[in-house]
Amino acid sequence: MLLVDTNVLVDVVERDPAWSGWSVAQMRAQARIQKLIINPVIYAELSLAFGTVAALDDVLSELELTLEEVPRPALFLAGRAFRRYRQRGGNKSNVLADFSIGAHASVCGHTLLTRDRGRYAAYFPGLHLISPPA
């Protein structure tokens, strides 16, 4: 399964001029070979672009994205990774969501489609990522 990161979905729904082409192409290509999923963290982040639950759910249905719960072991791993980030001097407080997304993909063996390779690669080294070339 392919977990689609929020930044890729925002590219698609907001038609980002710099990134929507890449994001749409990757989602289309991957949908041919594996199921596309999101988790509640991604759902919550993406909800900022919508006025209603129904509007968001309609887009998710149109994009053929399925909502998958985050298993508890992934939530635990997310907390550990976030702690390592802080111990290494990370000072952003709004990145716990990214750690939850990376841990979910890692624990479940999912591939992650993202434009944010750096943090995911640093804190989840075995995670298979699809991201733009550096």
C-alpha atoms as a PDB file:
ATOM      1  CA  MET A   1       0.000   0.000   0.000  1.00  0.00           C
ATOM      2  CA  LEU A   2       1.015   3.573  -0.606  1.00  0.00           C
ATOM      3  CA  LEU A   3       0.522   6.178   2.112  1.00  0.00           C
ATOM      4  CA  VAL A   4       0.085   9.579   0.453  1.00  0.00           C
ATOM      5  CA  ASP A   5       1.543  12.446   2.479  1.00  0.00           C
ATOM      6  CA  THR A   6      -0.411  15.633   3.032  1.00  0.00           C
ATOM      7  CA  ASN A   7       1.954  17.786   0.979  1.00  0.00           C
ATOM      8  CA  VAL A   8       1.264  15.683  -2.133  1.00  0.00           C
ATOM      9  CA  LEU A   9      -2.494  15.903  -1.623  1.00  0.00           C
ATOM     10  CA  VAL A  10      -2.353  19.667  -1.072  1.00  0.00           C
ATOM     11  CA  ASP A  11      -0.450  19.936  -4.370  1.00  0.00           C
ATOM     12  CA  VAL A  12      -3.301  18.113  -6.092  1.00  0.00           C
ATOM     13  CA  VAL A  13      -6.324  19.793  -4.494  1.00  0.00           C
ATOM     14  CA  GLU A  14      -4.855  23.304  -4.624  1.00  0.00           C
ATOM     15  CA  ARG A  15      -3.347  22.775  -8.104  1.00  0.00           C
ATOM     16  CA  ASP A  16       0.059  23.975  -6.981  1.00  0.00           C
ATOM     17  CA  PRO A  17       1.800  25.364 -10.077  1.00  0.00           C
ATOM     18  CA  ALA A  18       5.207  24.035  -9.072  1.00  0.00           C
ATOM     19  CA  TRP A  19       4.268  20.578  -7.795  1.00  0.00           C
ATOM     20  CA  SER A  20       0.797  19.464  -8.910  1.00  0.00           C
ATOM     21  CA  GLY A  21       2.090  17.904 -12.135  1.00  0.00           C
ATOM     22  CA  TRP A  22       4.590  15.724 -10.287  1.00  0.00           C
ATOM     23  CA  SER A  23       2.123  14.822  -7.529  1.00  0.00           C
ATOM     24  CA  VAL A  24      -0.734  13.914  -9.897  1.00  0.00           C
ATOM     25  CA  ALA A  25       1.592  11.842 -12.091  1.00  0.00           C
ATOM     26  CA  GLN A  26       2.957   9.924  -9.101  1.00  0.00           C
ATOM     27  CA  MET A  27      -0.494   9.233  -7.672  1.00  0.00           C
ATOM     28  CA  ARG A  28      -1.794   8.012 -11.049  1.00  0.00           C
ATOM     29  CA  ALA A  29       1.221   5.779 -11.630  1.00  0.00           C
ATOM     30  CA  GLN A  30       1.116   4.304  -8.149  1.00  0.00           C
ATOM     31  CA  ALA A  31      -2.664   3.766  -8.206  1.00  0.00           C
ATOM     32  CA  ARG A  32      -2.120   1.335 -11.081  1.00  0.00           C
ATOM     33  CA  ILE A  33       0.035  -0.924  -8.920  1.00  0.00           C
ATOM     34  CA  GLN A  34      -1.058  -0.434  -5.313  1.00  0.00           C
ATOM     35  CA  LYS A  35      -3.841   0.864  -3.111  1.00  0.00           C
ATOM     36  CA  LEU A  36      -3.587   4.540  -2.091  1.00  0.00           C
ATOM     37  CA  ILE A  37      -4.285   5.318   1.560  1.00  0.00           C
ATOM     38  CA  ILE A  38      -4.192   8.136   4.085  1.00  0.00           C
ATOM     39  CA  ASN A  39      -4.424   8.086   7.866  1.00  0.00           C
ATOM     40  CA  PRO A  40      -6.317  10.260  10.379  1.00  0.00           C
ATOM     41  CA  VAL A  41      -3.338  12.618  10.750  1.00  0.00           C
ATOM     42  CA  ILE A  42      -3.268  13.279   7.015  1.00  0.00           C
ATOM     43  CA  TYR A  43      -7.061  13.617   6.996  1.00  0.00           C
ATOM     44  CA  ALA A  44      -6.876  16.255   9.744  1.00  0.00           C
ATOM     45  CA  GLU A  45      -4.094  18.194   8.028  1.00  0.00           C
ATOM     46  CA  LEU A  46      -5.901  18.100   4.680  1.00  0.00           C
ATOM     47  CA  SER A  47      -9.180  19.219   6.262  1.00  0.00           C
ATOM     48  CA  LEU A  48      -7.754  22.756   6.468  1.00  0.00           C
ATOM     49  CA  ALA A  49      -8.359  23.077   2.713  1.00  0.00           C
ATOM     50  CA  PHE A  50     -12.078  22.202   2.955  1.00  0.00           C
ATOM     51  CA  GLY A  51     -15.196  23.772   4.408  1.00  0.00           C
ATOM     52  CA  THR A  52     -17.022  20.565   5.280  1.00  0.00           C
ATOM     53  CA  VAL A  53     -16.401  16.903   6.021  1.00  0.00           C
ATOM     54  CA  ALA A  54     -18.567  15.992   3.033  1.00  0.00           C
ATOM     55  CA  ALA A  55     -16.442  18.092   0.666  1.00  0.00           C
ATOM     56  CA  LEU A  56     -13.238  16.468   1.903  1.00  0.00           C
ATOM     57  CA  ASP A  57     -14.743  12.983   1.768  1.00  0.00           C
ATOM     58  CA  ASP A  58     -15.941  13.599  -1.809  1.00  0.00           C
ATOM     59  CA  VAL A  59     -12.406  14.502  -2.917  1.00  0.00           C
ATOM     60  CA  LEU A  60     -10.914  11.505  -1.129  1.00  0.00           C
ATOM     61  CA  SER A  61     -13.441   9.259  -2.840  1.00  0.00           C
ATOM     62  CA  GLU A  62     -12.700  10.863  -6.215  1.00  0.00           C
ATOM     63  CA  LEU A  63      -8.975  10.278  -5.662  1.00  0.00           C
ATOM     64  CA  GLU A  64      -9.717   6.692  -4.551  1.00  0.00           C
ATOM     65  CA  LEU A  65      -8.005   7.162  -1.201  1.00  0.00           C
ATOM     66  CA  THR A  66      -8.884   4.913   1.712  1.00  0.00           C
ATOM     67  CA  LEU A  67      -8.572   5.993   5.348  1.00  0.00           C
ATOM     68  CA  GLU A  68      -6.492   3.572   7.438  1.00  0.00           C
ATOM     69  CA  GLU A  69      -6.104   3.842  11.201  1.00  0.00           C
ATOM     70  CA  VAL A  70      -2.645   4.294  12.706  1.00  0.00           C
ATOM     71  CA  PRO A  71      -1.684   1.225  14.763  1.00  0.00           C
ATOM     72  CA  ARG A  72      -0.573   1.817  18.363  1.00  0.00           C
ATOM     73  CA  PRO A  73       2.983   0.553  17.713  1.00  0.00           C
ATOM     74  CA  ALA A  74       3.295   3.270  15.061  1.00  0.00           C
ATOM     75  CA  LEU A  75       2.094   5.930  17.494  1.00  0.00           C
ATOM     76  CA  PHE A  76       4.685   4.738  19.991  1.00  0.00           C
ATOM     77  CA  LEU A  77       7.420   4.826  17.333  1.00  0.00           C
ATOM     78  CA  ALA A  78       6.334   8.345  16.340  1.00  0.00           C
ATOM     79  CA  GLY A  79       6.843   9.545  19.904  1.00  0.00           C
ATOM     80  CA  ARG A  80      10.294   7.957  20.046  1.00  0.00           C
ATOM     81  CA  ALA A  81      11.327   9.501  16.728  1.00  0.00           C
ATOM     82  CA  PHE A  82      10.049  12.902  17.831  1.00  0.00           C
ATOM     83  CA  ARG A  83      12.069  12.613  21.037  1.00  0.00           C
ATOM     84  CA  ARG A  84      15.232  11.827  18.990  1.00  0.00           C
ATOM     85  CA  TYR A  85      14.484  14.862  16.839  1.00  0.00           C
ATOM     86  CA  ARG A  86      14.322  17.083  19.934  1.00  0.00           C
ATOM     87  CA  GLN A  87      17.472  15.520  21.416  1.00  0.00           C
ATOM     88  CA  ARG A  88      19.302  16.294  18.176  1.00  0.00           C
ATOM     89  CA  GLY A  89      18.365  19.947  18.543  1.00  0.00           C
ATOM     90  CA  GLY A  90      15.130  20.056  16.566  1.00  0.00           C
ATOM     91  CA  ASN A  91      13.079  22.936  17.859  1.00  0.00           C
ATOM     92  CA  LYS A  92       9.923  22.857  15.749  1.00  0.00           C
ATOM     93  CA  SER A  93       6.909  21.825  17.780  1.00  0.00           C
ATOM     94  CA  ASN A  94       4.568  21.223  14.838  1.00  0.00           C
ATOM     95  CA  VAL A  95       6.323  18.191  13.335  1.00  0.00           C
ATOM     96  CA  LEU A  96       4.812  15.415  15.460  1.00  0.00           C
ATOM     97  CA  ALA A  97       2.293  14.821  12.672  1.00  0.00           C
ATOM     98  CA  ASP A  98       5.131  14.029  10.264  1.00  0.00           C
ATOM     99  CA  PHE A  99       6.579  11.545  12.727  1.00  0.00           C
ATOM    100  CA  SER A 100       3.162   9.878  13.053  1.00  0.00           C
ATOM    101  CA  ILE A 101       2.904   9.584   9.275  1.00  0.00           C
ATOM    102  CA  GLY A 102       6.432   8.194   8.911  1.00  0.00           C
ATOM    103  CA  ALA A 103       5.979   5.747  11.771  1.00  0.00           C
ATOM    104  CA  HIS A 104       2.676   4.516  10.348  1.00  0.00           C
ATOM    105  CA  ALA A 105       4.256   3.779   6.976  1.00  0.00           C
ATOM    106  CA  SER A 106       7.296   2.222   8.615  1.00  0.00           C
ATOM    107  CA  VAL A 107       5.457  -0.084  11.038  1.00  0.00           C
ATOM    108  CA  CYS A 108       2.960  -1.242   8.405  1.00  0.00           C
ATOM    109  CA  GLY A 109       5.527  -1.684   5.639  1.00  0.00           C
ATOM    110  CA  HIS A 110       3.839   0.900   3.407  1.00  0.00           C
ATOM    111  CA  THR A 111       5.620   3.034   0.862  1.00  0.00           C
ATOM    112  CA  LEU A 112       5.301   6.777   1.509  1.00  0.00           C
ATOM    113  CA  LEU A 113       4.685   9.247  -1.318  1.00  0.00           C
ATOM    114  CA  THR A 114       6.010  12.612  -0.136  1.00  0.00           C
ATOM    115  CA  ARG A 115       7.951  15.702  -1.112  1.00  0.00           C
ATOM    116  CA  ASP A 116       9.574  15.794   2.347  1.00  0.00           C
ATOM    117  CA  ARG A 117      12.268  13.130   1.978  1.00  0.00           C
ATOM    118  CA  GLY A 118      14.774  14.560   4.470  1.00  0.00           C
ATOM    119  CA  ARG A 119      13.043  14.091   7.806  1.00  0.00           C
ATOM    120  CA  TYR A 120      11.465  10.769   6.867  1.00  0.00           C
ATOM    121  CA  ALA A 121      14.773   9.351   5.635  1.00  0.00           C
ATOM    122  CA  ALA A 122      16.620  10.590   8.727  1.00  0.00           C
ATOM    123  CA  TYR A 123      14.221   9.181  11.317  1.00  0.00           C
ATOM    124  CA  PHE A 124      12.820   6.137   9.498  1.00  0.00           C
ATOM    125  CA  PRO A 125      15.842   4.792   7.579  1.00  0.00           C
ATOM    126  CA  GLY A 126      14.173   1.572   6.396  1.00  0.00           C
ATOM    127  CA  LEU A 127      11.122   3.377   5.029  1.00  0.00           C
ATOM    128  CA  HIS A 128      10.592   3.120   1.282  1.00  0.00           C
ATOM    129  CA  LEU A 129       9.995   6.626  -0.060  1.00  0.00           C
ATOM    130  CA  ILE A 130       8.815   7.954  -3.374  1.00  0.00           C
ATOM    131  CA  SER A 131       9.854  11.578  -3.625  1.00  0.00           C
ATOM    132  CA  PRO A 132      11.202  14.046  -6.179  1.00  0.00           C
ATOM    133  CA  PRO A 133      14.886  13.824  -7.007  1.00  0.00           C
ATOM    134  CA  ALA A 134      17.029  15.936  -4.683  1.00  0.00           C
END
